[in-house]
Every structure is written in C-alpha cells, then in structure tokens.
Protein backbone atom coordinates (compact mmCIF):
# COMPACT_ATOMS: atom_id res chain seq x y z
CA PRO A 1 124.68 74.78 101.17
CA TYR A 2 121.49 75.28 103.00
CA ASP A 3 119.00 72.68 104.10
CA VAL A 4 115.39 73.56 103.32
CA ASP A 5 112.05 71.74 102.93
CA LEU A 6 110.23 71.03 99.67
CA ASN A 7 108.08 73.89 98.93
CA GLN A 8 109.64 76.33 101.34
CA ILE A 9 110.19 79.89 100.09
CA LEU A 10 113.37 80.70 99.33
CA TYR A 11 114.33 84.57 99.09
CA PHE A 12 117.38 85.89 97.16
CA GLN A 13 119.01 89.12 96.78
CA VAL A 14 121.90 89.70 94.27
CA ASN A 15 123.96 92.91 94.79
CA LEU A 16 126.28 94.49 92.54
CA ASN A 17 129.50 95.88 94.17
CA SER A 18 130.37 98.97 92.54
CA SER A 19 130.82 102.65 93.65
CA ASP A 20 129.03 103.91 90.43
CA PRO A 21 125.60 104.97 91.41
CA ASN A 22 124.63 105.03 87.92
CA LEU A 23 124.41 101.56 87.47
CA VAL A 24 121.39 99.09 87.70
CA VAL A 25 121.26 95.31 87.99
CA PHE A 26 118.72 93.02 86.46
CA VAL A 27 118.00 89.25 86.82
CA ASP A 28 117.88 87.98 83.16
CA THR A 29 118.18 84.15 83.64
CA CYS A 30 118.36 81.71 86.49
CA VAL A 31 118.44 77.94 86.04
CA ALA A 32 118.54 75.13 88.54
CA SER A 33 120.50 71.99 87.90
CA PRO A 34 121.37 68.97 90.11
CA ASP A 35 125.20 69.50 89.30
CA PRO A 36 127.20 72.51 89.95
CA GLY A 37 129.10 72.73 86.68
CA ASN A 38 126.45 71.37 84.49
CA VAL A 39 122.96 72.70 83.58
CA SER A 40 121.69 69.64 82.25
CA PRO A 41 119.31 68.59 83.04
CA ALA A 42 117.90 71.97 83.74
CA TYR A 43 114.88 73.84 85.08
CA ASP A 44 114.49 77.27 83.98
CA LEU A 45 113.16 79.48 87.00
CA ILE A 46 113.39 82.83 84.83
CA ARG A 47 114.73 82.93 81.09
CA ASN A 48 115.25 86.22 79.09
CA GLY A 49 113.52 88.10 82.07
CA CYS A 50 110.54 85.94 81.80
CA PRO A 51 109.43 83.88 84.92
CA ARG A 52 109.04 80.20 83.83
CA ASP A 53 108.15 78.90 87.33
CA SER A 54 104.92 79.80 88.75
CA SER A 55 105.99 80.49 92.16
CA TYR A 56 108.90 82.89 90.99
CA ARG A 57 108.32 86.50 91.90
CA THR A 58 110.36 89.58 91.87
CA TYR A 59 110.52 92.20 94.74
CA TYR A 60 110.86 95.64 94.84
CA SER A 61 114.56 96.79 95.82
CA PRO A 62 115.15 100.54 97.10
CA TYR A 63 118.58 100.12 95.70
CA SER A 64 119.67 100.15 91.91
CA HIS A 65 122.56 97.76 93.01
CA SER A 66 120.41 95.06 93.95
CA ALA A 67 117.63 92.52 92.57
CA ARG A 68 115.45 90.66 94.65
CA PHE A 69 113.17 87.49 93.82
CA LYS A 70 111.93 84.39 95.44
CA PHE A 71 110.51 80.92 94.33
CA SER A 72 109.60 77.66 96.00
CA ALA A 73 111.99 74.87 96.91
CA PHE A 74 111.80 71.56 94.76
CA GLU A 75 113.74 68.53 94.02
CA PHE A 76 114.36 66.83 90.60
CA VAL A 77 112.62 63.64 89.68
CA SER A 78 116.02 61.84 90.17
CA ARG A 79 115.54 62.34 93.88
CA ARG A 80 119.12 64.14 93.85
CA ARG A 81 119.22 66.15 97.17
CA LEU A 82 121.10 69.09 95.84
CA VAL A 83 119.91 71.77 93.73
CA TYR A 84 122.28 74.47 92.35
CA LEU A 85 121.33 77.66 91.04
CA GLN A 86 123.28 79.71 88.27
CA CYS A 87 121.86 83.03 87.37
CA GLU A 88 122.84 85.59 84.47
CA LEU A 89 122.55 89.18 85.43
CA ALA A 90 122.41 92.25 83.20
CA VAL A 91 124.12 95.57 84.21
CA CYS A 92 122.94 98.63 82.67
CA ARG A 93 123.26 102.33 82.96
CA LEU A 94 120.41 103.87 85.29
CA GLY A 95 117.71 105.58 83.18
CA ASP A 96 118.74 103.79 79.87
CA TYR A 97 115.45 102.69 79.15
CA SER A 98 116.73 101.06 75.72
CA SER A 99 118.83 98.65 77.89
CA ARG A 100 118.38 95.22 78.73
CA CYS A 101 117.28 96.15 82.42
CA TYR A 102 114.33 98.03 81.45
CA ARG A 103 112.86 95.83 78.70
CA GLY A 104 111.78 93.16 81.19
CA CYS A 105 110.59 89.96 79.79
CA SER A 106 112.00 89.37 76.30
CA ARG A 107 110.43 86.54 74.48
CA ARG A 108 113.14 85.88 71.82
CA PHE A 109 111.89 83.64 68.96
CA ARG A 110 114.49 81.97 66.62
CA ARG A 111 113.60 81.16 62.98
CA GLY A 112 114.58 78.16 61.48
CA ALA A 113 116.93 78.70 58.08
CA SER A 114 115.44 76.75 55.13
C-alpha cells in the first residue's frame, strides 16, 4: 500500500514479462474499488479502452511490452481510506491492426432483447 494525498497524481506502468518481441500490451479496463476482492461499489477509470475519469491520461511508452498511464488520487464517498485498482490488459501481436490493442476506445453497445 501507498499513502497518497487526495488529488495527488499517480503514475503507473504495466509490463509484460515475455521474451517475444512481437507482443504489445494495451490497458483495456481499470476499475477502482474500496475492497480488494470485490469491485462493488466500483469506479471506472477506463472501460473498454475509453477513459471514464477526466484525470486519466495515457503516456507514450518506447517499449511495446509496457503501457503507462496516470490519474488523480481520490477517495470513495464512504470515506474508506483504501482504494484498490484492478486492471484488465490485452496482449496482442505487434502490427496486428485488427487486434484489440490497436482499436483503442471501443464503445460497445448492447441491445435489449424484445
């Protein structure tokens, strides 16, 4: 755990540990929650590659095996002191422009069955 101040900028880097140079990593979804094993209540920082928090920003990484991002620290209304971050990553072939890693923000809409 890290002690941070409210609105402090937090920087993250995720790394794929692989010897295959033809892989790229993409941050698809990151959800913050007050409990480590449960994402309810949850706060979406990024969902389906689309930023949901106004402070969320991605950064260029010179390495295909890394993804970098930042956001401002916050706390839940219930005043719980701990915030857990859970992220889903996509791993794709480098240069496969039809893959999830290269599509970026994917606004998936579901239709109701009538």
